[in-house]
Amino acid sequence: MACLQSKGLWFVMRCRAGFLAEVSELARQAEEDALLELDLERGNRLHSKKLRLYLEPGQTKLRVRCVKVELPGGETEYLLTSLRELDASRFQELYHKRWAVETGIDFHKNVLQLENFSARTVLGVRQDFEARMLAANLSALLIADAEQELEQQQAGKHNRHTYKVNRAVALGLVKDNLASLLMGKEPAQQVYERLKEKIKRRKEALRPGRSFKRRQKLHYKFHINKRPVI
């Protein structure tokens, strides 16, 4: 927070009630929205070299707004933010907008596995990275075209749900057919159209308002001898 504030950047971040003593104190109160004054002399906070990089000389306080947000399941989220003028009722909607960013990062880290390399040389790592990004970009093009056609097909129907294609399935299909696209044994447009039709058949319904209980994630290290080829 000190880093973001020192750079003049706006932020909204979620935290647990026990993240800071000041948040814990607010959690025990009925107040839903408060401007917290974080005492940097409390405990060992000022011992952090990283924190001191972003503080003014002699600075011992940090001010941040904390907003309580009630979730449909009855849980309470605590949002720390630099947005002091925004109405508290709008924070749930605002925070939800980070979901597309989070799913994008998750896609690159866990589905695409950009951090998982099969090579030990600079050239090999670059080849791994560029092959993955090529497959991701091709699948993104296919998804955009497939979803546009799905929207047109659904426009005249009265379906209960809106549908979108499955990105992980699309990526898998592109990876399986990447060699055919690059080697030119079959016209690229023909391969593209065939893949697009397969992707359209693997659609899934959008269900607004769905939420799932957060699960503790295990942190696995990638093993170089277990990485897929592409």
C-alpha atoms as a PDB file:
ATOM      1  CA  MET A   1       0.000   0.000   0.000  1.00  0.00           C
ATOM      2  CA  ALA A   2       2.843   2.385   0.823  1.00  0.00           C
ATOM      3  CA  CYS A   3       4.361   1.684  -2.607  1.00  0.00           C
ATOM      4  CA  LEU A   4       1.091   2.353  -4.444  1.00  0.00           C
ATOM      5  CA  GLN A   5       0.376   5.505  -2.468  1.00  0.00           C
ATOM      6  CA  SER A   6       3.898   6.839  -3.026  1.00  0.00           C
ATOM      7  CA  LYS A   7       3.356   6.447  -6.795  1.00  0.00           C
ATOM      8  CA  GLY A   8      -0.081   8.073  -6.699  1.00  0.00           C
ATOM      9  CA  LEU A   9      -1.837   4.916  -7.908  1.00  0.00           C
ATOM     10  CA  TRP A  10      -5.441   4.030  -7.034  1.00  0.00           C
ATOM     11  CA  PHE A  11      -6.033   0.589  -5.573  1.00  0.00           C
ATOM     12  CA  VAL A  12      -8.637  -1.719  -4.070  1.00  0.00           C
ATOM     13  CA  MET A  13      -7.394  -4.883  -2.380  1.00  0.00           C
ATOM     14  CA  ARG A  14      -9.032  -7.612  -0.348  1.00  0.00           C
ATOM     15  CA  CYS A  15      -7.664  -8.703   3.010  1.00  0.00           C
ATOM     16  CA  ARG A  16      -8.625 -10.891   5.943  1.00  0.00           C
ATOM     17  CA  ALA A  17      -9.743  -9.445   9.242  1.00  0.00           C
ATOM     18  CA  GLY A  18      -6.463 -10.533  10.820  1.00  0.00           C
ATOM     19  CA  PHE A  19      -4.265  -8.969   8.131  1.00  0.00           C
ATOM     20  CA  LEU A  20      -3.694  -5.848  10.228  1.00  0.00           C
ATOM     21  CA  ALA A  21      -4.480  -5.072  13.865  1.00  0.00           C
ATOM     22  CA  GLU A  22      -6.410  -1.987  12.730  1.00  0.00           C
ATOM     23  CA  VAL A  23      -8.600  -4.111  10.410  1.00  0.00           C
ATOM     24  CA  SER A  24      -9.218  -6.582  13.240  1.00  0.00           C
ATOM     25  CA  GLU A  25     -10.378  -3.711  15.452  1.00  0.00           C
ATOM     26  CA  LEU A  26     -12.774  -2.490  12.739  1.00  0.00           C
ATOM     27  CA  ALA A  27     -14.088  -6.045  12.255  1.00  0.00           C
ATOM     28  CA  ARG A  28     -15.243  -6.097  15.879  1.00  0.00           C
ATOM     29  CA  GLN A  29     -17.146  -2.843  15.437  1.00  0.00           C
ATOM     30  CA  ALA A  30     -20.500  -2.166  13.783  1.00  0.00           C
ATOM     31  CA  GLU A  31     -18.989   0.482  11.515  1.00  0.00           C
ATOM     32  CA  GLU A  32     -19.035  -0.540   7.848  1.00  0.00           C
ATOM     33  CA  ASP A  33     -16.639   2.030   6.415  1.00  0.00           C
ATOM     34  CA  ALA A  34     -13.711   3.776   8.085  1.00  0.00           C
ATOM     35  CA  LEU A  35     -10.506   5.643   7.366  1.00  0.00           C
ATOM     36  CA  LEU A  36      -7.793   3.704   9.178  1.00  0.00           C
ATOM     37  CA  GLU A  37      -4.595   5.269  10.419  1.00  0.00           C
ATOM     38  CA  LEU A  38      -1.939   2.575  10.394  1.00  0.00           C
ATOM     39  CA  ASP A  39       0.696   3.096  13.072  1.00  0.00           C
ATOM     40  CA  LEU A  40       3.978   2.123  11.425  1.00  0.00           C
ATOM     41  CA  GLU A  41       5.738   2.176  14.779  1.00  0.00           C
ATOM     42  CA  ARG A  42       3.503  -0.648  15.950  1.00  0.00           C
ATOM     43  CA  GLY A  43       5.375  -3.930  16.344  1.00  0.00           C
ATOM     44  CA  ASN A  44       8.145  -4.444  13.797  1.00  0.00           C
ATOM     45  CA  ARG A  45       6.550  -2.641  10.859  1.00  0.00           C
ATOM     46  CA  LEU A  46       9.298  -0.046  10.437  1.00  0.00           C
ATOM     47  CA  HIS A  47      11.936  -2.778  10.504  1.00  0.00           C
ATOM     48  CA  SER A  48      10.939  -3.678   6.944  1.00  0.00           C
ATOM     49  CA  LYS A  49      13.498  -2.292   4.491  1.00  0.00           C
ATOM     50  CA  LYS A  50      11.005  -2.563   1.620  1.00  0.00           C
ATOM     51  CA  LEU A  51       8.440  -0.496   3.503  1.00  0.00           C
ATOM     52  CA  ARG A  52      10.951   2.240   4.337  1.00  0.00           C
ATOM     53  CA  LEU A  53      11.753   2.647   0.626  1.00  0.00           C
ATOM     54  CA  TYR A  54       8.293   4.168   0.053  1.00  0.00           C
ATOM     55  CA  LEU A  55       7.967   6.355   3.137  1.00  0.00           C
ATOM     56  CA  GLU A  56       8.739  10.023   3.511  1.00  0.00           C
ATOM     57  CA  PRO A  57      11.548  10.854   5.968  1.00  0.00           C
ATOM     58  CA  GLY A  58      10.117  10.628   9.467  1.00  0.00           C
ATOM     59  CA  GLN A  59       6.774   9.179   8.281  1.00  0.00           C
ATOM     60  CA  THR A  60       5.193   6.939  10.937  1.00  0.00           C
ATOM     61  CA  LYS A  61       1.556   6.825   9.775  1.00  0.00           C
ATOM     62  CA  LEU A  62      -0.217   5.426   6.728  1.00  0.00           C
ATOM     63  CA  ARG A  63      -3.869   6.212   6.038  1.00  0.00           C
ATOM     64  CA  VAL A  64      -6.088   3.820   4.123  1.00  0.00           C
ATOM     65  CA  ARG A  65      -9.823   3.392   3.803  1.00  0.00           C
ATOM     66  CA  CYS A  66     -11.359   0.060   4.822  1.00  0.00           C
ATOM     67  CA  VAL A  67     -14.812  -1.006   3.599  1.00  0.00           C
ATOM     68  CA  LYS A  68     -16.752  -4.046   4.804  1.00  0.00           C
ATOM     69  CA  VAL A  69     -18.594  -5.937   2.065  1.00  0.00           C
ATOM     70  CA  GLU A  70     -21.183  -8.591   2.893  1.00  0.00           C
ATOM     71  CA  LEU A  71     -21.080 -11.565   0.501  1.00  0.00           C
ATOM     72  CA  PRO A  72     -24.191 -13.559  -0.477  1.00  0.00           C
ATOM     73  CA  GLY A  73     -22.928 -16.523   1.578  1.00  0.00           C
ATOM     74  CA  GLY A  74     -22.873 -14.439   4.744  1.00  0.00           C
ATOM     75  CA  GLU A  75     -19.114 -13.906   4.840  1.00  0.00           C
ATOM     76  CA  THR A  76     -17.578 -10.451   5.201  1.00  0.00           C
ATOM     77  CA  GLU A  77     -14.833  -9.182   2.920  1.00  0.00           C
ATOM     78  CA  TYR A  78     -12.563  -6.342   3.957  1.00  0.00           C
ATOM     79  CA  LEU A  79     -11.425  -4.054   1.161  1.00  0.00           C
ATOM     80  CA  LEU A  80      -8.505  -1.666   1.623  1.00  0.00           C
ATOM     81  CA  THR A  81      -8.535   1.213  -0.829  1.00  0.00           C
ATOM     82  CA  SER A  82      -7.178   4.629  -1.702  1.00  0.00           C
ATOM     83  CA  LEU A  83     -10.584   5.660  -3.141  1.00  0.00           C
ATOM     84  CA  ARG A  84     -11.951   7.905  -0.417  1.00  0.00           C
ATOM     85  CA  GLU A  85     -14.810   9.564  -2.338  1.00  0.00           C
ATOM     86  CA  LEU A  86     -16.470   6.474  -3.826  1.00  0.00           C
ATOM     87  CA  ASP A  87     -19.743   5.451  -2.198  1.00  0.00           C
ATOM     88  CA  ALA A  88     -19.301   2.330  -0.058  1.00  0.00           C
ATOM     89  CA  SER A  89     -22.244   0.593  -1.781  1.00  0.00           C
ATOM     90  CA  ARG A  90     -20.298   0.484  -5.065  1.00  0.00           C
ATOM     91  CA  PHE A  91     -17.242  -1.387  -3.823  1.00  0.00           C
ATOM     92  CA  GLN A  92     -18.633  -4.888  -4.253  1.00  0.00           C
ATOM     93  CA  GLU A  93     -19.322  -4.231  -7.940  1.00  0.00           C
ATOM     94  CA  LEU A  94     -15.960  -2.500  -8.384  1.00  0.00           C
ATOM     95  CA  TYR A  95     -13.993  -5.280  -6.721  1.00  0.00           C
ATOM     96  CA  HIS A  96     -15.779  -7.903  -8.818  1.00  0.00           C
ATOM     97  CA  LYS A  97     -14.293  -6.313 -11.947  1.00  0.00           C
ATOM     98  CA  ARG A  98     -10.882  -7.703 -10.955  1.00  0.00           C
ATOM     99  CA  TRP A  99     -12.203 -11.193 -11.771  1.00  0.00           C
ATOM    100  CA  ALA A 100     -11.323 -10.971 -15.481  1.00  0.00           C
ATOM    101  CA  VAL A 101      -7.765  -9.963 -14.562  1.00  0.00           C
ATOM    102  CA  GLU A 102      -7.432 -12.794 -12.049  1.00  0.00           C
ATOM    103  CA  THR A 103      -8.760 -15.407 -14.461  1.00  0.00           C
ATOM    104  CA  GLY A 104      -6.372 -14.095 -17.134  1.00  0.00           C
ATOM    105  CA  ILE A 105      -3.393 -14.489 -14.801  1.00  0.00           C
ATOM    106  CA  ASP A 106      -4.654 -17.931 -13.753  1.00  0.00           C
ATOM    107  CA  PHE A 107      -4.936 -18.942 -17.412  1.00  0.00           C
ATOM    108  CA  HIS A 108      -1.352 -17.936 -18.178  1.00  0.00           C
ATOM    109  CA  LYS A 109       0.115 -19.472 -15.025  1.00  0.00           C
ATOM    110  CA  ASN A 110      -1.887 -22.689 -14.656  1.00  0.00           C
ATOM    111  CA  VAL A 111      -3.447 -23.541 -18.025  1.00  0.00           C
ATOM    112  CA  LEU A 112      -0.744 -22.169 -20.292  1.00  0.00           C
ATOM    113  CA  GLN A 113       1.977 -22.852 -17.674  1.00  0.00           C
ATOM    114  CA  LEU A 114       4.206 -20.031 -18.879  1.00  0.00           C
ATOM    115  CA  GLU A 115       6.530 -20.489 -15.890  1.00  0.00           C
ATOM    116  CA  ASN A 116       7.008 -24.177 -16.600  1.00  0.00           C
ATOM    117  CA  PHE A 117       9.965 -24.709 -18.954  1.00  0.00           C
ATOM    118  CA  SER A 118      11.225 -27.930 -20.523  1.00  0.00           C
ATOM    119  CA  ALA A 119      14.582 -26.426 -21.525  1.00  0.00           C
ATOM    120  CA  ARG A 120      17.684 -25.376 -19.616  1.00  0.00           C
ATOM    121  CA  THR A 121      19.132 -22.925 -22.138  1.00  0.00           C
ATOM    122  CA  VAL A 122      18.156 -19.338 -22.962  1.00  0.00           C
ATOM    123  CA  LEU A 123      17.168 -20.309 -26.508  1.00  0.00           C
ATOM    124  CA  GLY A 124      15.156 -23.279 -25.287  1.00  0.00           C
ATOM    125  CA  VAL A 125      13.275 -21.192 -22.725  1.00  0.00           C
ATOM    126  CA  ARG A 126      12.494 -18.596 -25.387  1.00  0.00           C
ATOM    127  CA  GLN A 127      11.190 -21.329 -27.691  1.00  0.00           C
ATOM    128  CA  ASP A 128       9.004 -22.704 -24.906  1.00  0.00           C
ATOM    129  CA  PHE A 129       7.615 -19.256 -24.162  1.00  0.00           C
ATOM    130  CA  GLU A 130       6.988 -18.257 -27.782  1.00  0.00           C
ATOM    131  CA  ALA A 131       5.364 -21.588 -28.687  1.00  0.00           C
ATOM    132  CA  ARG A 132       2.986 -21.224 -25.735  1.00  0.00           C
ATOM    133  CA  MET A 133       2.140 -17.640 -26.597  1.00  0.00           C
ATOM    134  CA  LEU A 134       1.563 -18.553 -30.254  1.00  0.00           C
ATOM    135  CA  ALA A 135      -0.898 -21.253 -29.190  1.00  0.00           C
ATOM    136  CA  ALA A 136      -2.591 -18.822 -26.760  1.00  0.00           C
ATOM    137  CA  ASN A 137      -2.919 -16.075 -29.385  1.00  0.00           C
ATOM    138  CA  LEU A 138      -4.322 -18.470 -31.990  1.00  0.00           C
ATOM    139  CA  SER A 139      -6.835 -19.821 -29.478  1.00  0.00           C
ATOM    140  CA  ALA A 140      -7.825 -16.234 -28.558  1.00  0.00           C
ATOM    141  CA  LEU A 141      -8.559 -15.485 -32.236  1.00  0.00           C
ATOM    142  CA  LEU A 142     -10.593 -18.666 -32.566  1.00  0.00           C
ATOM    143  CA  ILE A 143     -12.509 -17.947 -29.357  1.00  0.00           C
ATOM    144  CA  ALA A 144     -13.365 -14.403 -30.498  1.00  0.00           C
ATOM    145  CA  ASP A 145     -14.700 -15.660 -33.845  1.00  0.00           C
ATOM    146  CA  ALA A 146     -16.517 -18.624 -32.284  1.00  0.00           C
ATOM    147  CA  GLU A 147     -18.210 -16.484 -29.610  1.00  0.00           C
ATOM    148  CA  GLN A 148     -19.282 -13.904 -32.183  1.00  0.00           C
ATOM    149  CA  GLU A 149     -20.970 -16.657 -34.208  1.00  0.00           C
ATOM    150  CA  LEU A 150     -22.523 -18.125 -31.051  1.00  0.00           C
ATOM    151  CA  GLU A 151     -24.005 -14.718 -30.192  1.00  0.00           C
ATOM    152  CA  GLN A 152     -25.505 -14.454 -33.669  1.00  0.00           C
ATOM    153  CA  GLN A 153     -26.964 -17.966 -33.406  1.00  0.00           C
ATOM    154  CA  GLN A 154     -28.450 -17.248 -29.973  1.00  0.00           C
ATOM    155  CA  ALA A 155     -29.887 -13.858 -30.945  1.00  0.00           C
ATOM    156  CA  GLY A 156     -33.109 -15.344 -32.313  1.00  0.00           C
ATOM    157  CA  LYS A 157     -33.499 -17.961 -29.590  1.00  0.00           C
ATOM    158  CA  HIS A 158     -34.903 -17.693 -26.083  1.00  0.00           C
ATOM    159  CA  ASN A 159     -32.312 -19.721 -24.213  1.00  0.00           C
ATOM    160  CA  ARG A 160     -32.292 -19.678 -20.441  1.00  0.00           C
ATOM    161  CA  HIS A 161     -28.551 -18.959 -20.388  1.00  0.00           C
ATOM    162  CA  THR A 162     -25.987 -17.148 -22.480  1.00  0.00           C
ATOM    163  CA  TYR A 163     -23.175 -19.386 -23.658  1.00  0.00           C
ATOM    164  CA  LYS A 164     -19.445 -18.945 -24.099  1.00  0.00           C
ATOM    165  CA  VAL A 165     -16.708 -21.281 -25.282  1.00  0.00           C
ATOM    166  CA  ASN A 166     -14.325 -23.077 -22.955  1.00  0.00           C
ATOM    167  CA  ARG A 167     -10.873 -21.434 -23.191  1.00  0.00           C
ATOM    168  CA  ALA A 168      -8.973 -24.445 -21.852  1.00  0.00           C
ATOM    169  CA  VAL A 169     -10.599 -26.725 -24.450  1.00  0.00           C
ATOM    170  CA  ALA A 170      -9.840 -24.207 -27.212  1.00  0.00           C
ATOM    171  CA  LEU A 171      -6.182 -24.054 -26.190  1.00  0.00           C
ATOM    172  CA  GLY A 172      -5.960 -27.844 -26.153  1.00  0.00           C
ATOM    173  CA  LEU A 173      -7.401 -28.089 -29.669  1.00  0.00           C
ATOM    174  CA  VAL A 174      -4.971 -25.468 -30.974  1.00  0.00           C
ATOM    175  CA  LYS A 175      -1.988 -27.257 -29.383  1.00  0.00           C
ATOM    176  CA  ASP A 176      -3.072 -30.550 -30.936  1.00  0.00           C
ATOM    177  CA  ASN A 177      -3.327 -28.956 -34.390  1.00  0.00           C
ATOM    178  CA  LEU A 178      -0.470 -26.453 -34.227  1.00  0.00           C
ATOM    179  CA  ALA A 179       1.833 -28.617 -36.326  1.00  0.00           C
ATOM    180  CA  SER A 180      -0.800 -28.890 -39.091  1.00  0.00           C
ATOM    181  CA  LEU A 181      -1.211 -25.116 -39.117  1.00  0.00           C
ATOM    182  CA  LEU A 182       2.519 -24.447 -39.313  1.00  0.00           C
ATOM    183  CA  MET A 183       3.599 -27.205 -41.703  1.00  0.00           C
ATOM    184  CA  GLY A 184       1.055 -26.336 -44.394  1.00  0.00           C
ATOM    185  CA  LYS A 185      -0.014 -29.898 -45.179  1.00  0.00           C
ATOM    186  CA  GLU A 186      -3.590 -28.623 -45.109  1.00  0.00           C
ATOM    187  CA  PRO A 187      -4.780 -25.095 -46.012  1.00  0.00           C
ATOM    188  CA  ALA A 188      -4.578 -22.931 -42.885  1.00  0.00           C
ATOM    189  CA  GLN A 189      -8.077 -21.506 -43.407  1.00  0.00           C
ATOM    190  CA  GLN A 190      -9.498 -25.012 -43.602  1.00  0.00           C
ATOM    191  CA  VAL A 191      -7.804 -26.022 -40.325  1.00  0.00           C
ATOM    192  CA  TYR A 192      -8.979 -22.766 -38.739  1.00  0.00           C
ATOM    193  CA  GLU A 193     -12.623 -23.291 -39.716  1.00  0.00           C
ATOM    194  CA  ARG A 194     -12.581 -26.907 -38.529  1.00  0.00           C
ATOM    195  CA  LEU A 195     -11.156 -25.878 -35.148  1.00  0.00           C
ATOM    196  CA  LYS A 196     -13.685 -23.069 -34.817  1.00  0.00           C
ATOM    197  CA  GLU A 197     -16.594 -25.484 -35.328  1.00  0.00           C
ATOM    198  CA  LYS A 198     -15.167 -27.863 -32.714  1.00  0.00           C
ATOM    199  CA  ILE A 199     -14.726 -25.012 -30.247  1.00  0.00           C
ATOM    200  CA  LYS A 200     -18.304 -23.808 -30.776  1.00  0.00           C
ATOM    201  CA  ARG A 201     -19.602 -27.261 -29.834  1.00  0.00           C
ATOM    202  CA  ARG A 202     -17.749 -27.110 -26.526  1.00  0.00           C
ATOM    203  CA  LYS A 203     -19.687 -24.202 -25.092  1.00  0.00           C
ATOM    204  CA  GLU A 204     -20.662 -23.662 -21.478  1.00  0.00           C
ATOM    205  CA  ALA A 205     -23.467 -21.671 -19.873  1.00  0.00           C
ATOM    206  CA  LEU A 206     -22.843 -18.375 -18.084  1.00  0.00           C
ATOM    207  CA  ARG A 207     -24.562 -18.307 -14.693  1.00  0.00           C
ATOM    208  CA  PRO A 208     -24.374 -14.792 -13.218  1.00  0.00           C
ATOM    209  CA  GLY A 209     -24.108 -14.524  -9.453  1.00  0.00           C
ATOM    210  CA  ARG A 210     -22.509 -17.931  -8.924  1.00  0.00           C
ATOM    211  CA  SER A 211     -19.809 -18.072  -6.286  1.00  0.00           C
ATOM    212  CA  PHE A 212     -17.669 -20.805  -4.825  1.00  0.00           C
ATOM    213  CA  LYS A 213     -16.051 -21.195  -1.465  1.00  0.00           C
ATOM    214  CA  ARG A 214     -12.376 -20.271  -1.582  1.00  0.00           C
ATOM    215  CA  ARG A 215     -10.096 -23.249  -1.177  1.00  0.00           C
ATOM    216  CA  GLN A 216      -6.563 -23.297   0.143  1.00  0.00           C
ATOM    217  CA  LYS A 217      -4.269 -23.728  -2.835  1.00  0.00           C
ATOM    218  CA  LEU A 218      -1.194 -25.920  -2.666  1.00  0.00           C
ATOM    219  CA  HIS A 219       1.975 -24.494  -4.151  1.00  0.00           C
ATOM    220  CA  TYR A 220       3.639 -27.035  -6.388  1.00  0.00           C
ATOM    221  CA  LYS A 221       6.984 -26.537  -8.026  1.00  0.00           C
ATOM    222  CA  PHE A 222       7.147 -27.439 -11.690  1.00  0.00           C
ATOM    223  CA  HIS A 223       9.330 -30.426 -12.528  1.00  0.00           C
ATOM    224  CA  ILE A 224      11.179 -30.058 -15.794  1.00  0.00           C
ATOM    225  CA  ASN A 225      10.745 -33.737 -16.789  1.00  0.00           C
ATOM    226  CA  LYS A 226       6.931 -33.566 -16.404  1.00  0.00           C
ATOM    227  CA  ARG A 227       6.164 -30.585 -18.588  1.00  0.00           C
ATOM    228  CA  PRO A 228       4.020 -31.060 -21.741  1.00  0.00           C
ATOM    229  CA  VAL A 229       5.737 -30.548 -25.085  1.00  0.00           C
ATOM    230  CA  ILE A 230       3.787 -27.365 -25.942  1.00  0.00           C
END
